């Protein structure tokens, strides 16, 4: 998708493509994990925030911290997947 026509779909696509690359290249990447947070400001008026894993987006508003994202916690994600009939496994 074109970012300017559909920024949310573009960010989602970027995250999916990164995940796909990681899953397809496990031997090149080693045994670790990753998290990410993306914040994009458009024309000083629009803020788009995306996160995966336990990376957290926080905004400072007049000296106070405002949490903008919800942490992606493994046990919550596992439950969501299993409730939809899926399963979670560990790669060797």
PDB file of N, CA and C in Angstrom:
ATOM      1  N   UNK A   1       0.821  -1.209   0.000  1.00  0.00           N
ATOM      2  CA  UNK A   1       0.000   0.000   0.000  1.00  0.00           C
ATOM      3  C   UNK A   1       0.856   1.261   0.000  1.00  0.00           C
ATOM      4  N   UNK A   2       0.335   2.300  -0.555  1.00  0.00           N
ATOM      5  CA  UNK A   2       1.010   3.588  -0.570  1.00  0.00           C
ATOM      6  C   UNK A   2       0.814   4.257   0.788  1.00  0.00           C
ATOM      7  N   UNK A   3       1.913   4.686   1.403  1.00  0.00           N
ATOM      8  CA  UNK A   3       1.840   5.249   2.751  1.00  0.00           C
ATOM      9  C   UNK A   3       0.879   6.424   2.829  1.00  0.00           C
ATOM     10  N   UNK A   4       0.956   7.341   1.889  1.00  0.00           N
ATOM     11  CA  UNK A   4       0.134   8.551   1.985  1.00  0.00           C
ATOM     12  C   UNK A   4      -1.347   8.283   1.746  1.00  0.00           C
ATOM     13  N   UNK A   5      -1.658   7.231   0.995  1.00  0.00           N
ATOM     14  CA  UNK A   5      -3.062   6.882   0.777  1.00  0.00           C
ATOM     15  C   UNK A   5      -3.645   6.086   1.940  1.00  0.00           C
ATOM     16  N   UNK A   6      -2.813   5.259   2.580  1.00  0.00           N
ATOM     17  CA  UNK A   6      -3.293   4.413   3.679  1.00  0.00           C
ATOM     18  C   UNK A   6      -2.144   4.135   4.646  1.00  0.00           C
ATOM     19  N   UNK A   7      -1.810   5.109   5.499  1.00  0.00           N
ATOM     20  CA  UNK A   7      -0.665   4.938   6.394  1.00  0.00           C
ATOM     21  C   UNK A   7      -0.813   3.762   7.354  1.00  0.00           C
ATOM     22  N   UNK A   8      -1.999   3.498   7.858  1.00  0.00           N
ATOM     23  CA  UNK A   8      -2.172   2.389   8.803  1.00  0.00           C
ATOM     24  C   UNK A   8      -1.913   1.046   8.131  1.00  0.00           C
ATOM     25  N   UNK A   9      -2.439   0.862   6.925  1.00  0.00           N
ATOM     26  CA  UNK A   9      -2.198  -0.380   6.186  1.00  0.00           C
ATOM     27  C   UNK A   9      -0.722  -0.518   5.832  1.00  0.00           C
ATOM     28  N   UNK A  10      -0.065   0.588   5.524  1.00  0.00           N
ATOM     29  CA  UNK A  10       1.357   0.552   5.178  1.00  0.00           C
ATOM     30  C   UNK A  10       2.209   0.130   6.366  1.00  0.00           C
ATOM     31  N   UNK A  11       1.905   0.661   7.538  1.00  0.00           N
ATOM     32  CA  UNK A  11       2.661   0.289   8.740  1.00  0.00           C
ATOM     33  C   UNK A  11       2.406  -1.176   9.076  1.00  0.00           C
ATOM     34  N   UNK A  12       1.151  -1.584   9.013  1.00  0.00           N
ATOM     35  CA  UNK A  12       0.808  -2.984   9.287  1.00  0.00           C
ATOM     36  C   UNK A  12       1.536  -3.899   8.311  1.00  0.00           C
ATOM     37  N   UNK A  13       1.577  -3.532   7.048  1.00  0.00           N
ATOM     38  CA  UNK A  13       2.275  -4.315   6.039  1.00  0.00           C
ATOM     39  C   UNK A  13       3.771  -4.403   6.348  1.00  0.00           C
ATOM     40  N   UNK A  14       4.366  -3.309   6.772  1.00  0.00           N
ATOM     41  CA  UNK A  14       5.796  -3.313   7.109  1.00  0.00           C
ATOM     42  C   UNK A  14       6.076  -4.267   8.266  1.00  0.00           C
ATOM     43  N   UNK A  15       5.232  -4.249   9.276  1.00  0.00           N
ATOM     44  CA  UNK A  15       5.401  -5.172  10.407  1.00  0.00           C
ATOM     45  C   UNK A  15       5.236  -6.622   9.945  1.00  0.00           C
ATOM     46  N   UNK A  16       4.226  -6.891   9.104  1.00  0.00           N
ATOM     47  CA  UNK A  16       4.005  -8.252   8.608  1.00  0.00           C
ATOM     48  C   UNK A  16       5.175  -8.730   7.752  1.00  0.00           C
ATOM     49  N   UNK A  17       5.702  -7.862   6.894  1.00  0.00           N
ATOM     50  CA  UNK A  17       6.832  -8.242   6.042  1.00  0.00           C
ATOM     51  C   UNK A  17       8.078  -8.531   6.881  1.00  0.00           C
ATOM     52  N   UNK A  18       8.291  -7.740   7.918  1.00  0.00           N
ATOM     53  CA  UNK A  18       9.429  -7.978   8.814  1.00  0.00           C
ATOM     54  C   UNK A  18       9.263  -9.313   9.522  1.00  0.00           C
ATOM     55  N   UNK A  19       8.068  -9.588  10.023  1.00  0.00           N
ATOM     56  CA  UNK A  19       7.800 -10.856  10.695  1.00  0.00           C
ATOM     57  C   UNK A  19       8.013 -12.028   9.741  1.00  0.00           C
ATOM     58  N   UNK A  20       7.542 -11.880   8.512  1.00  0.00           N
ATOM     59  CA  UNK A  20       7.708 -12.932   7.508  1.00  0.00           C
ATOM     60  C   UNK A  20       9.192 -13.201   7.257  1.00  0.00           C
ATOM     61  N   UNK A  21       9.979 -12.146   7.137  1.00  0.00           N
ATOM     62  CA  UNK A  21      11.416 -12.305   6.912  1.00  0.00           C
ATOM     63  C   UNK A  21      12.063 -13.046   8.078  1.00  0.00           C
ATOM     64  N   UNK A  22      11.696 -12.667   9.299  1.00  0.00           N
ATOM     65  CA  UNK A  22      12.264 -13.316  10.485  1.00  0.00           C
ATOM     66  C   UNK A  22      11.910 -14.802  10.495  1.00  0.00           C
ATOM     67  N   UNK A  23      10.654 -15.132  10.201  1.00  0.00           N
ATOM     68  CA  UNK A  23      10.231 -16.533  10.207  1.00  0.00           C
ATOM     69  C   UNK A  23      10.895 -17.343   9.099  1.00  0.00           C
ATOM     70  N   UNK A  24      11.172 -16.714   7.966  1.00  0.00           N
ATOM     71  CA  UNK A  24      11.777 -17.419   6.838  1.00  0.00           C
ATOM     72  C   UNK A  24      13.298 -17.516   6.933  1.00  0.00           C
ATOM     73  N   UNK A  25      13.915 -16.792   7.845  1.00  0.00           N
ATOM     74  CA  UNK A  25      15.377 -16.767   7.936  1.00  0.00           C
ATOM     75  C   UNK A  25      15.880 -17.001   9.354  1.00  0.00           C
ATOM     76  N   UNK A  26      15.367 -18.007  10.057  1.00  0.00           N
ATOM     77  CA  UNK A  26      15.770 -18.183  11.456  1.00  0.00           C
ATOM     78  C   UNK A  26      17.250 -18.502  11.623  1.00  0.00           C
ATOM     79  N   UNK A  27      17.850 -19.237  10.682  1.00  0.00           N
ATOM     80  CA  UNK A  27      19.257 -19.610  10.848  1.00  0.00           C
ATOM     81  C   UNK A  27      20.186 -18.410  10.688  1.00  0.00           C
ATOM     82  N   UNK A  28      19.774 -17.402   9.941  1.00  0.00           N
ATOM     83  CA  UNK A  28      20.596 -16.209   9.748  1.00  0.00           C
ATOM     84  C   UNK A  28      20.488 -15.232  10.913  1.00  0.00           C
ATOM     85  N   UNK A  29      19.418 -15.341  11.677  1.00  0.00           N
ATOM     86  CA  UNK A  29      19.142 -14.334  12.698  1.00  0.00           C
ATOM     87  C   UNK A  29      19.485 -14.776  14.106  1.00  0.00           C
ATOM     88  N   UNK A  30      19.696 -16.066  14.322  1.00  0.00           N
ATOM     89  CA  UNK A  30      20.049 -16.537  15.652  1.00  0.00           C
ATOM     90  C   UNK A  30      18.839 -16.657  16.558  1.00  0.00           C
ATOM     91  N   UNK A  31      19.103 -17.104  17.805  1.00  0.00           N
ATOM     92  CA  UNK A  31      17.995 -17.388  18.703  1.00  0.00           C
ATOM     93  C   UNK A  31      17.515 -16.180  19.483  1.00  0.00           C
ATOM     94  N   UNK A  32      17.058 -15.217  19.136  1.00  0.00           N
ATOM     95  CA  UNK A  32      16.647 -14.101  19.981  1.00  0.00           C
ATOM     96  C   UNK A  32      15.225 -13.725  19.691  1.00  0.00           C
ATOM     97  N   UNK A  33      14.877 -12.613  20.126  1.00  0.00           N
ATOM     98  CA  UNK A  33      13.553 -12.089  19.880  1.00  0.00           C
ATOM     99  C   UNK A  33      13.678 -10.620  19.533  1.00  0.00           C
ATOM    100  N   UNK A  34      12.571 -10.007  19.315  1.00  0.00           N
ATOM    101  CA  UNK A  34      12.636  -8.581  19.014  1.00  0.00           C
ATOM    102  C   UNK A  34      11.324  -7.913  19.392  1.00  0.00           C
ATOM    103  N   UNK A  35      11.411  -6.635  19.604  1.00  0.00           N
ATOM    104  CA  UNK A  35      10.235  -5.806  19.829  1.00  0.00           C
ATOM    105  C   UNK A  35      10.428  -4.543  18.998  1.00  0.00           C
ATOM    106  N   UNK A  36       9.352  -3.834  18.782  1.00  0.00           N
ATOM    107  CA  UNK A  36       9.469  -2.602  18.000  1.00  0.00           C
ATOM    108  C   UNK A  36       8.358  -1.638  18.371  1.00  0.00           C
ATOM    109  N   UNK A  37       8.672  -0.370  18.260  1.00  0.00           N
ATOM    110  CA  UNK A  37       7.652   0.667  18.364  1.00  0.00           C
ATOM    111  C   UNK A  37       7.927   1.667  17.247  1.00  0.00           C
ATOM    112  N   UNK A  38       6.877   2.095  16.584  1.00  0.00           N
ATOM    113  CA  UNK A  38       6.984   3.056  15.493  1.00  0.00           C
ATOM    114  C   UNK A  38       6.085   4.241  15.812  1.00  0.00           C
ATOM    115  N   UNK A  39       6.624   5.433  15.701  1.00  0.00           N
ATOM    116  CA  UNK A  39       5.825   6.646  15.896  1.00  0.00           C
ATOM    117  C   UNK A  39       6.073   7.560  14.706  1.00  0.00           C
ATOM    118  N   UNK A  40       5.014   7.977  14.064  1.00  0.00           N
ATOM    119  CA  UNK A  40       5.111   8.838  12.890  1.00  0.00           C
ATOM    120  C   UNK A  40       4.241  10.065  13.120  1.00  0.00           C
ATOM    121  N   UNK A  41       4.846  11.232  12.941  1.00  0.00           N
ATOM    122  CA  UNK A  41       4.111  12.493  13.056  1.00  0.00           C
ATOM    123  C   UNK A  41       3.924  13.036  11.643  1.00  0.00           C
ATOM    124  N   UNK A  42       2.687  13.337  11.290  1.00  0.00           N
ATOM    125  CA  UNK A  42       2.383  13.853   9.955  1.00  0.00           C
ATOM    126  C   UNK A  42       1.927  15.301  10.080  1.00  0.00           C
ATOM    127  N   UNK A  43       2.687  16.189   9.458  1.00  0.00           N
ATOM    128  CA  UNK A  43       2.378  17.624   9.429  1.00  0.00           C
ATOM    129  C   UNK A  43       2.180  18.231  10.817  1.00  0.00           C
ATOM    130  N   UNK A  44       2.788  17.644  11.829  1.00  0.00           N
ATOM    131  CA  UNK A  44       2.663  18.173  13.182  1.00  0.00           C
ATOM    132  C   UNK A  44       1.269  18.064  13.766  1.00  0.00           C
ATOM    133  N   UNK A  45       0.386  17.334  13.089  1.00  0.00           N
ATOM    134  CA  UNK A  45      -1.015  17.260  13.521  1.00  0.00           C
ATOM    135  C   UNK A  45      -1.487  15.848  13.829  1.00  0.00           C
ATOM    136  N   UNK A  46      -0.931  14.877  13.142  1.00  0.00           N
ATOM    137  CA  UNK A  46      -1.377  13.493  13.288  1.00  0.00           C
ATOM    138  C   UNK A  46      -0.222  12.662  13.831  1.00  0.00           C
ATOM    139  N   UNK A  47      -0.497  11.861  14.842  1.00  0.00           N
ATOM    140  CA  UNK A  47       0.493  10.950  15.413  1.00  0.00           C
ATOM    141  C   UNK A  47      -0.022   9.531  15.235  1.00  0.00           C
ATOM    142  N   UNK A  48       0.773   8.704  14.571  1.00  0.00           N
ATOM    143  CA  UNK A  48       0.436   7.295  14.386  1.00  0.00           C
ATOM    144  C   UNK A  48       1.458   6.485  15.173  1.00  0.00           C
ATOM    145  N   UNK A  49       0.974   5.595  16.032  1.00  0.00           N
ATOM    146  CA  UNK A  49       1.851   4.775  16.863  1.00  0.00           C
ATOM    147  C   UNK A  49       1.498   3.311  16.648  1.00  0.00           C
ATOM    148  N   UNK A  50       2.522   2.481  16.471  1.00  0.00           N
ATOM    149  CA  UNK A  50       2.337   1.032  16.368  1.00  0.00           C
ATOM    150  C   UNK A  50       3.400   0.370  17.226  1.00  0.00           C
ATOM    151  N   UNK A  51       3.051  -0.772  17.806  1.00  0.00           N
ATOM    152  CA  UNK A  51       4.057  -1.500  18.581  1.00  0.00           C
ATOM    153  C   UNK A  51       3.804  -2.988  18.510  1.00  0.00           C
ATOM    154  N   UNK A  52       4.862  -3.731  18.777  1.00  0.00           N
ATOM    155  CA  UNK A  52       4.772  -5.180  18.895  1.00  0.00           C
ATOM    156  C   UNK A  52       5.773  -5.595  19.958  1.00  0.00           C
ATOM    157  N   UNK A  53       5.429  -6.599  20.705  1.00  0.00           N
ATOM    158  CA  UNK A  53       6.281  -7.003  21.813  1.00  0.00           C
ATOM    159  C   UNK A  53       6.065  -6.083  22.991  1.00  0.00           C
ATOM    160  N   UNK A  54       7.086  -5.963  23.814  1.00  0.00           N
ATOM    161  CA  UNK A  54       6.919  -5.137  25.009  1.00  0.00           C
ATOM    162  C   UNK A  54       7.554  -3.758  24.868  1.00  0.00           C
ATOM    163  N   UNK A  55       7.706  -3.299  23.645  1.00  0.00           N
ATOM    164  CA  UNK A  55       8.122  -1.913  23.425  1.00  0.00           C
ATOM    165  C   UNK A  55       6.913  -1.027  23.669  1.00  0.00           C
ATOM    166  N   UNK A  56       7.106   0.017  24.422  1.00  0.00           N
ATOM    167  CA  UNK A  56       5.988   0.875  24.825  1.00  0.00           C
ATOM    168  C   UNK A  56       6.193   2.281  24.280  1.00  0.00           C
ATOM    169  N   UNK A  57       5.120   2.858  23.753  1.00  0.00           N
ATOM    170  CA  UNK A  57       5.144   4.248  23.307  1.00  0.00           C
ATOM    171  C   UNK A  57       4.569   5.117  24.420  1.00  0.00           C
ATOM    172  N   UNK A  58       5.340   6.134  24.810  1.00  0.00           N
ATOM    173  CA  UNK A  58       4.928   7.042  25.880  1.00  0.00           C
ATOM    174  C   UNK A  58       5.113   8.470  25.380  1.00  0.00           C
ATOM    175  N   UNK A  59       4.119   9.308  25.611  1.00  0.00           N
ATOM    176  CA  UNK A  59       4.159  10.712  25.225  1.00  0.00           C
ATOM    177  C   UNK A  59       4.290  11.561  26.481  1.00  0.00           C
ATOM    178  N   UNK A  60       5.140  12.555  26.426  1.00  0.00           N
ATOM    179  CA  UNK A  60       5.248  13.496  27.542  1.00  0.00           C
ATOM    180  C   UNK A  60       4.316  14.667  27.254  1.00  0.00           C
ATOM    181  N   UNK A  61       3.322  14.856  28.114  1.00  0.00           N
ATOM    182  CA  UNK A  61       2.347  15.931  27.963  1.00  0.00           C
ATOM    183  C   UNK A  61       2.425  16.830  29.188  1.00  0.00           C
ATOM    184  N   UNK A  62       3.058  17.995  29.019  1.00  0.00           N
ATOM    185  CA  UNK A  62       3.216  18.960  30.113  1.00  0.00           C
ATOM    186  C   UNK A  62       3.851  18.332  31.347  1.00  0.00           C
ATOM    187  N   UNK A  63       4.864  17.500  31.110  1.00  0.00           N
ATOM    188  CA  UNK A  63       5.596  16.883  32.210  1.00  0.00           C
ATOM    189  C   UNK A  63       5.015  15.583  32.722  1.00  0.00           C
ATOM    190  N   UNK A  64       3.896  15.150  32.187  1.00  0.00           N
ATOM    191  CA  UNK A  64       3.280  13.891  32.609  1.00  0.00           C
ATOM    192  C   UNK A  64       3.417  12.848  31.505  1.00  0.00           C
ATOM    193  N   UNK A  65       3.697  11.615  31.906  1.00  0.00           N
ATOM    194  CA  UNK A  65       3.817  10.517  30.950  1.00  0.00           C
ATOM    195  C   UNK A  65       2.438   9.972  30.610  1.00  0.00           C
ATOM    196  N   UNK A  66       2.179   9.837  29.319  1.00  0.00           N
ATOM    197  CA  UNK A  66       0.914   9.279  28.839  1.00  0.00           C
ATOM    198  C   UNK A  66       1.247   8.051  27.994  1.00  0.00           C
ATOM    199  N   UNK A  67       0.804   6.880  28.424  1.00  0.00           N
ATOM    200  CA  UNK A  67       1.059   5.660  27.669  1.00  0.00           C
ATOM    201  C   UNK A  67       0.162   5.639  26.437  1.00  0.00           C
ATOM    202  N   UNK A  68       0.771   5.475  25.252  1.00  0.00           N
ATOM    203  CA  UNK A  68       0.026   5.493  23.992  1.00  0.00           C
ATOM    204  C   UNK A  68      -0.241   4.104  23.425  1.00  0.00           C
ATOM    205  N   UNK A  69       0.503   3.117  23.882  1.00  0.00           N
ATOM    206  CA  UNK A  69       0.365   1.779  23.315  1.00  0.00           C
ATOM    207  C   UNK A  69       0.054   0.773  24.416  1.00  0.00           C
ATOM    208  N   UNK A  70      -0.403  -0.375  23.993  1.00  0.00           N
ATOM    209  CA  UNK A  70      -0.672  -1.473  24.917  1.00  0.00           C
ATOM    210  C   UNK A  70       0.409  -2.518  24.699  1.00  0.00           C
ATOM    211  N   UNK A  71       1.053  -2.944  25.793  1.00  0.00           N
ATOM    212  CA  UNK A  71       2.105  -3.950  25.671  1.00  0.00           C
ATOM    213  C   UNK A  71       1.544  -5.243  25.082  1.00  0.00           C
ATOM    214  N   UNK A  72       2.328  -5.852  24.227  1.00  0.00           N
ATOM    215  CA  UNK A  72       1.979  -7.110  23.576  1.00  0.00           C
ATOM    216  C   UNK A  72       2.612  -8.208  24.426  1.00  0.00           C
ATOM    217  N   UNK A  73       1.842  -8.795  25.329  1.00  0.00           N
ATOM    218  CA  UNK A  73       2.380  -9.756  26.290  1.00  0.00           C
ATOM    219  C   UNK A  73       2.184 -11.188  25.800  1.00  0.00           C
ATOM    220  N   UNK A  74       3.234 -12.021  25.905  1.00  0.00           N
ATOM    221  CA  UNK A  74       3.173 -13.385  25.374  1.00  0.00           C
ATOM    222  C   UNK A  74       2.008 -14.220  25.913  1.00  0.00           C
ATOM    223  N   UNK A  75       1.748 -14.176  27.213  1.00  0.00           N
ATOM    224  CA  UNK A  75       0.678 -15.021  27.756  1.00  0.00           C
ATOM    225  C   UNK A  75      -0.703 -14.573  27.264  1.00  0.00           C
ATOM    226  N   UNK A  76      -0.878 -13.278  27.058  1.00  0.00           N
ATOM    227  CA  UNK A  76      -2.150 -12.769  26.533  1.00  0.00           C
ATOM    228  C   UNK A  76      -2.304 -13.175  25.067  1.00  0.00           C
ATOM    229  N   UNK A  77      -1.219 -13.070  24.309  1.00  0.00           N
ATOM    230  CA  UNK A  77      -1.249 -13.444  22.893  1.00  0.00           C
ATOM    231  C   UNK A  77      -1.502 -14.939  22.735  1.00  0.00           C
ATOM    232  N   UNK A  78      -0.851 -15.755  23.566  1.00  0.00           N
ATOM    233  CA  UNK A  78      -1.060 -17.205  23.498  1.00  0.00           C
ATOM    234  C   UNK A  78      -2.537 -17.534  23.734  1.00  0.00           C
ATOM    235  N   UNK A  79      -3.127 -16.920  24.750  1.00  0.00           N
ATOM    236  CA  UNK A  79      -4.537 -17.171  25.064  1.00  0.00           C
ATOM    237  C   UNK A  79      -5.432 -16.756  23.890  1.00  0.00           C
ATOM    238  N   UNK A  80      -5.135 -15.600  23.282  1.00  0.00           N
ATOM    239  CA  UNK A  80      -5.929 -15.127  22.144  1.00  0.00           C
ATOM    240  C   UNK A  80      -5.857 -16.126  20.994  1.00  0.00           C
ATOM    241  N   UNK A  81      -4.666 -16.614  20.696  1.00  0.00           N
ATOM    242  CA  UNK A  81      -4.471 -17.568  19.601  1.00  0.00           C
ATOM    243  C   UNK A  81      -5.197 -18.878  19.896  1.00  0.00           C
ATOM    244  N   UNK A  82      -5.031 -19.391  21.121  1.00  0.00           N
ATOM    245  CA  UNK A  82      -5.666 -20.660  21.480  1.00  0.00           C
ATOM    246  C   UNK A  82      -7.188 -20.541  21.503  1.00  0.00           C
ATOM    247  N   UNK A  83      -7.716 -19.391  21.912  1.00  0.00           N
ATOM    248  CA  UNK A  83      -9.166 -19.182  21.909  1.00  0.00           C
ATOM    249  C   UNK A  83      -9.747 -19.190  20.499  1.00  0.00           C
ATOM    250  N   UNK A  84      -8.897 -18.928  19.508  1.00  0.00           N
ATOM    251  CA  UNK A  84      -9.344 -18.937  18.111  1.00  0.00           C
ATOM    252  C   UNK A  84      -9.043 -20.272  17.429  1.00  0.00           C
ATOM    253  N   UNK A  85      -8.641 -21.278  18.234  1.00  0.00           N
ATOM    254  CA  UNK A  85      -8.391 -22.609  17.688  1.00  0.00           C
ATOM    255  C   UNK A  85      -6.968 -22.839  17.218  1.00  0.00           C
ATOM    256  N   UNK A  86      -6.089 -21.881  17.412  1.00  0.00           N
ATOM    257  CA  UNK A  86      -4.698 -22.029  17.001  1.00  0.00           C
ATOM    258  C   UNK A  86      -3.843 -22.594  18.120  1.00  0.00           C
ATOM    259  N   UNK A  87      -2.538 -22.643  17.882  1.00  0.00           N
ATOM    260  CA  UNK A  87      -1.611 -23.116  18.903  1.00  0.00           C
ATOM    261  C   UNK A  87      -0.304 -22.353  18.790  1.00  0.00           C
ATOM    262  N   UNK A  88       0.464 -22.403  19.855  1.00  0.00           N
ATOM    263  CA  UNK A  88       1.761 -21.735  19.907  1.00  0.00           C
ATOM    264  C   UNK A  88       2.814 -22.803  20.142  1.00  0.00           C
ATOM    265  N   UNK A  89       3.906 -22.732  19.400  1.00  0.00           N
ATOM    266  CA  UNK A  89       4.995 -23.683  19.558  1.00  0.00           C
ATOM    267  C   UNK A  89       6.312 -22.929  19.608  1.00  0.00           C
ATOM    268  N   UNK A  90       7.358 -23.619  19.988  1.00  0.00           N
ATOM    269  CA  UNK A  90       8.687 -23.013  20.062  1.00  0.00           C
ATOM    270  C   UNK A  90       9.540 -23.606  18.957  1.00  0.00           C
ATOM    271  N   UNK A  91      10.202 -22.745  18.194  1.00  0.00           N
ATOM    272  CA  UNK A  91      11.109 -23.229  17.162  1.00  0.00           C
ATOM    273  C   UNK A  91      12.350 -23.811  17.821  1.00  0.00           C
ATOM    274  N   UNK A  92      12.887 -24.892  17.247  1.00  0.00           N
ATOM    275  CA  UNK A  92      14.115 -25.489  17.828  1.00  0.00           C
ATOM    276  C   UNK A  92      15.306 -24.574  17.689  1.00  0.00           C
TER     277      UNK A  92
END
